[in-house]
Amino acid sequence: MSLLTKTLAAGVVGAAVLVGAPVTASAAAKVTFTLPSPTGHHQVGTRALHLVDANRPDPWKPDRTRELMINVWYPADDAWRYPKAPWLPNGLVGDIEEFAAAPPANVPQGSVDWAGTRSAGHVDAPVKRGKRPVVLYSPGFGGPRAIGTTAVQDLASHGYIVVTIDHTFETTVEFPGGRVEKNITIPWEKMGTALDARVADTRFVLDELGKQRWLDGSADLRRVGMFGHSYGGFTAGEAMLRDRRIDAGINMDGAMFPEFGEVAKQGLDRPFFLMGGQFDMPDGSVVDHSPDTAFDASWGQFWGNQKGPKRSVVYTGARHHSFSDLQPILPQLVKPLGFPADHFKPFVGTIDPARSVRAQNSDIRRFFERYL
C-alpha cells in the first residue's frame, strides 16, 4: 500500500469517527458548537426518506434487500413554522466518544454535546415551487450523510435540490422506528465492492427521486450534478462514468483509486472539478493535493485522460477533513477544552475556518451554476 493510500485511508477513518457522541453527561455541562448559516436567500427544508431497492441484494448482507436512508434538502416556503432538523440522527450518537477520546483528537469523554446541534433545514417544510437542478452528495468512506451538512444546506439555500446518501453498513444508519444498523468492518481488498455499492446506491436514488410526488415536480432531472468528500468524491467521478444522467461532478480531496474503478483511467466527457487540500509528509514538508504534483498519481492520471472541462484548486492551509463539517466544528472546541490552537491541525489544518467554508461553498455553487 502506497504512502498516499495509507494517508487517505487513515483520513477516511478519522472522518467516520468524529461525527457524534453518546449523551453520557448533562448536556448543560458540555461544550456546544454551531454550523455556519446558509448564505442564499431561500429558506431551507429537509426530508428524510427510507428507500428500499427490492431488486438488489445488499452487497454486505446478501440475504437482505438493499435499504438506504437519504435526506432531500430544498428551497422551502414558510419554513419557520417547522422545527429544525438535528445535525445527526439519534441512532448515531452512540458510536463516538471512545474514538474521539483517542489520539490525535484526545477529546475528553462527556465534554462535548455532539448531539445538540441543529441544522438550518426545517423538517418537512413545504417545497417552494419552481424547476430546480438536482445535486447528489456522497460522504467519505465510513462517514454519515450528515457530515456534509454545511455545504449541502448552503447549496439548497441558493435554489438547488440536494440529496445526501448514507451508504448502509459502511456507516451506522438509523431507519424509521428507531431501528439502527451498525457499520461493519470492510477490509481494504473489498473497497472495490464498496465503490460498486456506492455507485448503485447513487443510480437508485436518481431513479427514485423522480417518483417523489411531494416534490411537486420541482426536481429537474435533466440537470444533475454530484459531489462528495474523499471516497465520496471518487464515487462522484465513477458514478458519472457509469450514468450519463449526471452532468457535472466535484471530488473534494479524494483519491481516484485506479485499482478499484475506471474513472482515472478513462476520464470523463463532462465537467469535473478537483478540490484539494494539503498533506503533511513524514519528513515535515507539506505537499499540495493537486494533479500538478506527484503526491496523488490518480489525480494526474485522471487529469491527463479528462476530455470534458476540468478545474483544479488547492486550498492552502486546508487538510483532508477541511472538506467536511469538521472544518467549522473542531476549531470551536479548542478554547473551551483548553487545547492549543493547533490541536486539530491534522484534521482541518491552519486555514481560517470561516474563510475555508466561504471559499468552498462559493466554488461549489459557481461550478454547478456554470454547468447545470
Protein backbone atom coordinates (compact mmCIF):
# COMPACT_ATOMS: atom_id res chain seq x y z
CA MET A 1 0.00 0.00 0.00
CA SER A 2 1.42 3.40 -1.01
CA LEU A 3 2.01 6.27 1.43
CA LEU A 4 -0.83 8.19 -0.22
CA THR A 5 -3.19 5.25 0.12
CA LYS A 6 -2.32 4.83 3.78
CA THR A 7 -2.70 8.57 4.39
CA LEU A 8 -6.10 8.83 2.71
CA ALA A 9 -7.32 5.61 4.28
CA ALA A 10 -6.42 6.96 7.72
CA GLY A 11 -8.13 10.23 6.87
CA VAL A 12 -11.29 8.41 5.87
CA VAL A 13 -11.41 6.58 9.19
CA GLY A 14 -10.92 9.86 11.03
CA ALA A 15 -13.88 11.39 9.24
CA ALA A 16 -16.03 8.42 10.03
CA VAL A 17 -15.48 8.52 13.76
CA LEU A 18 -15.55 12.23 14.52
CA VAL A 19 -19.23 12.75 13.91
CA GLY A 20 -21.19 12.28 17.11
CA ALA A 21 -21.17 11.19 20.75
CA PRO A 22 -23.41 9.43 23.27
CA VAL A 23 -25.14 11.51 25.89
CA THR A 24 -23.25 10.41 28.98
CA ALA A 25 -23.33 13.65 30.94
CA SER A 26 -25.64 16.60 31.36
CA ALA A 27 -25.89 18.48 28.07
CA ALA A 28 -25.65 21.74 30.01
CA ALA A 29 -22.16 20.77 31.16
CA LYS A 30 -20.89 20.06 27.66
CA VAL A 31 -19.21 22.25 25.08
CA THR A 32 -21.59 23.14 22.23
CA PHE A 33 -20.99 24.16 18.63
CA THR A 34 -22.95 25.53 15.67
CA LEU A 35 -22.87 25.18 11.90
CA PRO A 36 -22.46 28.21 9.60
CA SER A 37 -25.72 29.71 8.39
CA PRO A 38 -26.61 29.30 4.70
CA THR A 39 -25.86 32.35 2.53
CA GLY A 40 -28.65 32.06 -0.04
CA HIS A 41 -31.98 33.87 0.04
CA HIS A 42 -34.13 30.72 0.09
CA GLN A 43 -35.41 29.16 3.28
CA VAL A 44 -34.30 25.53 3.55
CA GLY A 45 -36.43 22.46 4.06
CA THR A 46 -35.28 18.87 4.54
CA ARG A 47 -36.97 15.50 4.47
CA ALA A 48 -35.53 12.09 5.40
CA LEU A 49 -36.56 9.21 3.13
CA HIS A 50 -36.28 5.45 3.56
CA LEU A 51 -35.68 3.76 0.20
CA VAL A 52 -35.72 0.02 -0.50
CA ASP A 53 -34.19 -1.39 -3.68
CA ALA A 54 -36.23 -4.59 -3.95
CA ASN A 55 -34.25 -5.72 -6.99
CA ARG A 56 -30.81 -5.61 -5.36
CA PRO A 57 -29.40 -7.80 -2.59
CA ASP A 58 -27.32 -5.87 -0.09
CA PRO A 59 -23.65 -6.40 -1.01
CA TRP A 60 -22.66 -6.78 2.66
CA LYS A 61 -25.66 -8.87 3.77
CA PRO A 62 -26.87 -10.72 0.64
CA ASP A 63 -29.84 -12.31 2.43
CA ARG A 64 -31.39 -8.83 2.66
CA THR A 65 -32.50 -6.27 0.08
CA ARG A 66 -30.58 -3.02 -0.11
CA GLU A 67 -32.03 -0.27 2.09
CA LEU A 68 -30.93 3.35 2.15
CA MET A 69 -31.60 6.48 4.13
CA ILE A 70 -31.29 9.79 2.33
CA ASN A 71 -32.13 13.42 3.03
CA VAL A 72 -33.56 15.77 0.44
CA TRP A 73 -32.65 19.44 1.05
CA TYR A 74 -34.61 22.04 -0.90
CA PRO A 75 -35.84 25.66 -1.09
CA ALA A 76 -38.91 25.92 1.15
CA ASP A 77 -41.87 28.19 1.90
CA ASP A 78 -42.97 29.14 5.43
CA ALA A 79 -40.08 27.13 6.86
CA TRP A 80 -40.21 28.98 10.16
CA ARG A 81 -43.37 27.05 11.03
CA TYR A 82 -41.43 23.76 11.07
CA PRO A 83 -38.75 22.56 13.50
CA LYS A 84 -35.11 22.50 12.50
CA ALA A 85 -33.63 19.08 11.86
CA PRO A 86 -30.88 17.80 14.14
CA TRP A 87 -27.40 17.61 12.69
CA LEU A 88 -27.25 13.87 13.47
CA PRO A 89 -29.96 11.22 13.83
CA ASN A 90 -30.27 9.96 17.40
CA GLY A 91 -29.13 6.49 16.40
CA LEU A 92 -25.65 7.71 15.53
CA VAL A 93 -24.80 9.30 18.85
CA GLY A 94 -23.72 6.06 20.49
CA ASP A 95 -20.68 5.38 18.30
CA ILE A 96 -18.19 8.10 19.02
CA GLU A 97 -16.80 9.11 22.39
CA GLU A 98 -14.31 6.27 22.72
CA PHE A 99 -12.90 7.24 19.31
CA ALA A 100 -12.92 10.99 19.91
CA ALA A 101 -11.04 10.39 23.16
CA ALA A 102 -8.25 8.55 21.33
CA PRO A 103 -5.19 10.26 19.79
CA PRO A 104 -4.81 12.56 17.99
CA ALA A 105 -8.16 14.16 18.90
CA ASN A 106 -7.92 13.40 22.67
CA VAL A 107 -11.33 14.89 23.38
CA PRO A 108 -12.30 14.09 27.00
CA GLN A 109 -15.30 11.81 27.20
CA GLY A 110 -18.51 13.61 28.11
CA SER A 111 -17.07 17.05 27.35
CA VAL A 112 -18.86 17.87 24.06
CA ASP A 113 -22.57 17.94 23.25
CA TRP A 114 -22.16 16.34 19.84
CA ALA A 115 -25.88 15.57 19.62
CA GLY A 116 -27.35 19.00 20.36
CA THR A 117 -26.62 20.95 17.18
CA ARG A 118 -29.41 21.80 14.74
CA SER A 119 -29.07 22.24 11.02
CA ALA A 120 -30.67 25.07 9.02
CA GLY A 121 -33.10 22.63 7.40
CA HIS A 122 -36.73 22.71 8.57
CA VAL A 123 -38.26 19.25 8.73
CA ASP A 124 -40.90 18.63 6.02
CA ALA A 125 -41.42 22.33 5.28
CA PRO A 126 -43.42 22.95 2.08
CA VAL A 127 -41.44 22.88 -1.14
CA LYS A 128 -41.08 26.24 -2.87
CA ARG A 129 -42.44 25.93 -6.38
CA GLY A 130 -40.07 26.05 -9.33
CA LYS A 131 -37.98 23.75 -11.50
CA ARG A 132 -34.59 23.25 -9.86
CA PRO A 133 -31.34 21.43 -10.63
CA VAL A 134 -30.51 18.37 -8.55
CA VAL A 135 -27.18 17.72 -6.82
CA LEU A 136 -26.24 14.46 -5.08
CA TYR A 137 -23.80 14.24 -2.15
CA SER A 138 -21.76 11.19 -1.10
CA PRO A 139 -19.74 11.25 2.15
CA GLY A 140 -16.27 9.85 2.72
CA PHE A 141 -15.87 6.14 3.36
CA GLY A 142 -17.41 5.25 6.72
CA GLY A 143 -18.93 8.69 7.18
CA PRO A 144 -22.65 9.51 7.53
CA ARG A 145 -24.55 11.77 5.18
CA ALA A 146 -24.73 14.42 7.92
CA ILE A 147 -21.01 15.18 7.66
CA GLY A 148 -21.60 17.38 4.57
CA THR A 149 -24.47 19.42 6.01
CA THR A 150 -22.67 22.80 5.88
CA ALA A 151 -22.12 22.65 2.12
CA VAL A 152 -25.43 20.94 1.38
CA GLN A 153 -27.71 23.38 3.20
CA ASP A 154 -25.87 26.33 1.68
CA LEU A 155 -26.39 24.95 -1.82
CA ALA A 156 -30.09 24.37 -1.11
CA SER A 157 -30.43 27.98 0.07
CA HIS A 158 -29.26 29.07 -3.39
CA GLY A 159 -32.02 27.20 -5.20
CA TYR A 160 -30.81 23.61 -5.58
CA ILE A 161 -32.39 20.33 -4.56
CA VAL A 162 -29.60 18.43 -2.83
CA VAL A 163 -29.75 14.76 -1.86
CA THR A 164 -27.43 13.27 0.77
CA ILE A 165 -26.90 9.50 0.82
CA ASP A 166 -25.96 7.10 3.60
CA HIS A 167 -24.16 4.04 2.25
CA THR A 168 -25.59 1.38 4.56
CA PHE A 169 -23.19 -0.83 6.55
CA GLU A 170 -20.25 1.42 5.72
CA THR A 171 -21.63 3.69 8.42
CA THR A 172 -24.19 3.34 11.18
CA VAL A 173 -27.65 4.24 9.85
CA GLU A 174 -30.88 4.98 11.71
CA PHE A 175 -34.01 3.82 9.92
CA PRO A 176 -37.66 4.72 10.71
CA GLY A 177 -38.96 3.49 14.02
CA GLY A 178 -35.57 3.85 15.67
CA ARG A 179 -34.04 0.76 14.04
CA VAL A 180 -30.28 1.18 13.86
CA GLU A 181 -28.00 -0.78 11.53
CA LYS A 182 -24.41 -0.64 12.71
CA ASN A 183 -21.43 -0.27 10.43
CA ILE A 184 -19.37 -3.37 9.66
CA THR A 185 -15.64 -3.81 9.13
CA ILE A 186 -14.84 -3.65 5.41
CA PRO A 187 -11.32 -4.82 4.52
CA TRP A 188 -9.18 -2.92 2.06
CA GLU A 189 -9.50 -5.64 -0.58
CA LYS A 190 -13.28 -5.07 -0.58
CA MET A 191 -13.07 -1.35 -1.36
CA GLY A 192 -13.97 -2.10 -4.98
CA THR A 193 -17.16 -3.76 -3.75
CA ALA A 194 -17.84 -0.66 -1.67
CA LEU A 195 -17.39 1.54 -4.73
CA ASP A 196 -19.79 -0.59 -6.77
CA ALA A 197 -22.35 -0.41 -3.95
CA ARG A 198 -22.00 3.37 -3.76
CA VAL A 199 -22.50 3.81 -7.50
CA ALA A 200 -25.53 1.50 -7.45
CA ASP A 201 -26.90 3.47 -4.48
CA THR A 202 -26.46 6.71 -6.43
CA ARG A 203 -28.21 5.42 -9.53
CA PHE A 204 -31.08 4.01 -7.47
CA VAL A 205 -31.55 7.33 -5.67
CA LEU A 206 -31.79 9.11 -9.02
CA ASP A 207 -34.39 6.58 -10.17
CA GLU A 208 -36.44 7.10 -7.01
CA LEU A 209 -36.20 10.88 -6.89
CA GLY A 210 -38.50 11.27 -9.87
CA LYS A 211 -41.18 9.29 -8.03
CA GLN A 212 -41.38 11.68 -5.06
CA ARG A 213 -44.73 13.39 -5.58
CA TRP A 214 -44.26 15.65 -2.57
CA LEU A 215 -41.53 17.47 -4.55
CA ASP A 216 -44.33 18.61 -6.89
CA GLY A 217 -42.18 18.18 -9.99
CA SER A 218 -39.54 20.64 -8.79
CA ALA A 219 -36.60 18.25 -9.25
CA ASP A 220 -35.26 18.84 -12.75
CA LEU A 221 -33.60 15.52 -13.52
CA ARG A 222 -32.33 16.90 -16.82
CA ARG A 223 -29.82 18.92 -14.76
CA VAL A 224 -27.96 16.69 -12.30
CA GLY A 225 -24.65 17.20 -10.53
CA MET A 226 -22.80 15.25 -7.88
CA PHE A 227 -20.12 15.99 -5.30
CA GLY A 228 -18.52 14.19 -2.42
CA HIS A 229 -15.67 14.15 0.05
CA SER A 230 -12.79 11.65 -0.03
CA TYR A 231 -14.16 8.29 -1.24
CA GLY A 232 -17.37 10.19 -1.92
CA GLY A 233 -15.51 12.36 -4.44
CA PHE A 234 -14.21 9.22 -6.11
CA THR A 235 -17.79 7.92 -6.07
CA ALA A 236 -18.97 11.08 -7.87
CA GLY A 237 -16.48 10.53 -10.69
CA GLU A 238 -17.21 6.83 -11.02
CA ALA A 239 -20.98 7.41 -10.93
CA MET A 240 -20.62 9.96 -13.74
CA LEU A 241 -18.67 7.43 -15.78
CA ARG A 242 -21.41 4.81 -15.38
CA ASP A 243 -24.50 7.05 -15.53
CA ARG A 244 -24.86 9.75 -18.15
CA ARG A 245 -27.69 11.42 -16.24
CA ILE A 246 -25.01 13.11 -14.09
CA ASP A 247 -23.84 16.20 -15.95
CA ALA A 248 -21.07 17.57 -13.73
CA GLY A 249 -19.13 16.46 -10.67
CA ILE A 250 -16.79 17.54 -7.87
CA ASN A 251 -14.21 15.50 -5.98
CA MET A 252 -13.34 17.04 -2.61
CA ASP A 253 -9.84 15.78 -1.76
CA GLY A 254 -10.43 12.12 -2.62
CA ALA A 255 -8.01 9.83 -4.43
CA MET A 256 -9.43 8.14 -7.56
CA PHE A 257 -8.05 4.68 -6.99
CA PRO A 258 -7.46 3.01 -10.39
CA GLU A 259 -7.23 -0.37 -8.67
CA PHE A 260 -10.91 -0.09 -7.74
CA GLY A 261 -12.51 1.99 -10.51
CA GLU A 262 -12.13 3.23 -14.07
CA VAL A 263 -12.63 7.00 -13.95
CA ALA A 264 -8.93 7.88 -13.54
CA LYS A 265 -8.03 5.62 -16.45
CA GLN A 266 -10.81 6.75 -18.77
CA GLY A 267 -11.56 10.35 -17.77
CA LEU A 268 -14.95 11.94 -18.47
CA ASP A 269 -16.50 13.87 -21.33
CA ARG A 270 -18.39 16.16 -18.92
CA PRO A 271 -17.17 18.83 -16.47
CA PHE A 272 -15.29 17.75 -13.35
CA PHE A 273 -13.70 19.76 -10.53
CA LEU A 274 -10.87 18.61 -8.23
CA MET A 275 -10.85 20.43 -4.87
CA GLY A 276 -7.66 19.67 -2.96
CA GLY A 277 -6.11 20.44 0.39
CA GLN A 278 -2.58 19.88 1.65
CA PHE A 279 -0.95 16.89 3.33
CA ASP A 280 1.78 16.75 5.97
CA MET A 281 4.55 14.38 4.93
CA PRO A 282 6.72 12.30 7.31
CA ASP A 283 9.77 14.50 6.57
CA GLY A 284 7.92 17.60 7.79
CA SER A 285 7.20 19.00 4.34
CA VAL A 286 3.74 19.96 3.11
CA VAL A 287 2.50 18.88 -0.32
CA ASP A 288 -0.48 20.08 -2.37
CA HIS A 289 -3.14 17.58 -3.36
CA SER A 290 -3.22 18.60 -7.00
CA PRO A 291 -2.90 16.99 -10.44
CA ASP A 292 0.21 19.18 -10.82
CA THR A 293 2.12 17.37 -8.04
CA ALA A 294 3.31 13.78 -7.78
CA PHE A 295 1.53 13.28 -4.46
CA ASP A 296 -1.56 11.57 -5.90
CA ALA A 297 -0.85 9.76 -9.15
CA SER A 298 -4.56 9.05 -9.63
CA TRP A 299 -5.31 12.79 -9.94
CA GLY A 300 -2.56 13.22 -12.50
CA GLN A 301 -3.83 10.18 -14.40
CA PHE A 302 -7.40 11.49 -14.41
CA TRP A 303 -6.25 14.98 -15.43
CA GLY A 304 -4.42 13.60 -18.45
CA ASN A 305 -7.41 11.50 -19.51
CA GLN A 306 -10.14 14.06 -18.81
CA LYS A 307 -11.83 15.08 -22.07
CA GLY A 308 -14.51 17.40 -20.68
CA PRO A 309 -13.99 20.75 -18.94
CA LYS A 310 -11.79 20.46 -15.88
CA ARG A 311 -10.84 22.62 -12.94
CA SER A 312 -8.46 22.15 -10.02
CA VAL A 313 -7.99 24.27 -6.87
CA VAL A 314 -5.78 23.84 -3.80
CA TYR A 315 -6.94 25.48 -0.55
CA THR A 316 -3.70 26.47 1.15
CA GLY A 317 -3.68 25.51 4.81
CA ALA A 318 -6.59 23.05 4.47
CA ARG A 319 -6.30 19.38 5.38
CA HIS A 320 -8.36 16.34 4.42
CA HIS A 321 -11.28 16.97 6.79
CA SER A 322 -11.49 20.66 5.93
CA PHE A 323 -13.90 19.44 3.24
CA SER A 324 -16.49 18.31 5.78
CA ASP A 325 -18.40 19.70 8.75
CA LEU A 326 -15.32 19.08 10.89
CA GLN A 327 -13.89 22.29 9.40
CA PRO A 328 -16.31 24.62 11.23
CA ILE A 329 -16.86 22.32 14.23
CA LEU A 330 -13.44 21.35 15.57
CA PRO A 331 -11.98 24.87 15.93
CA GLN A 332 -14.95 25.78 18.16
CA LEU A 333 -13.82 23.14 20.66
CA VAL A 334 -10.25 24.40 21.09
CA LYS A 335 -10.66 27.15 23.69
CA PRO A 336 -13.45 25.57 25.76
CA LEU A 337 -11.47 22.35 26.08
CA GLY A 338 -8.18 24.12 26.78
CA PHE A 339 -6.40 22.75 23.73
CA PRO A 340 -3.50 24.52 21.99
CA ALA A 341 -4.52 26.46 18.89
CA ASP A 342 -3.08 23.86 16.51
CA HIS A 343 -4.58 20.84 18.27
CA PHE A 344 -6.84 19.85 15.38
CA LYS A 345 -4.35 20.70 12.64
CA PRO A 346 -4.11 17.05 11.47
CA PHE A 347 -7.83 17.18 10.71
CA VAL A 348 -8.57 20.71 9.48
CA GLY A 349 -5.17 22.37 9.05
CA THR A 350 -4.40 26.01 9.71
CA ILE A 351 -6.77 27.68 7.24
CA ASP A 352 -9.23 30.15 8.79
CA PRO A 353 -12.42 28.08 9.23
CA ALA A 354 -14.83 30.79 8.09
CA ARG A 355 -12.72 31.61 5.02
CA SER A 356 -12.43 27.93 4.17
CA VAL A 357 -16.20 27.40 4.34
CA ARG A 358 -16.92 30.56 2.31
CA ALA A 359 -14.42 29.64 -0.41
CA GLN A 360 -15.60 26.07 -0.74
CA ASN A 361 -19.30 26.90 -0.78
CA SER A 362 -18.73 29.64 -3.35
CA ASP A 363 -16.63 27.41 -5.60
CA ILE A 364 -19.14 24.56 -5.44
CA ARG A 365 -22.05 26.85 -6.24
CA ARG A 366 -20.32 28.65 -9.11
CA PHE A 367 -19.25 25.37 -10.68
CA PHE A 368 -22.77 23.98 -10.67
CA GLU A 369 -24.23 27.32 -11.79
CA ARG A 370 -21.99 27.17 -14.84
CA TYR A 371 -22.62 23.57 -15.83
CA LEU A 372 -26.17 22.68 -14.70
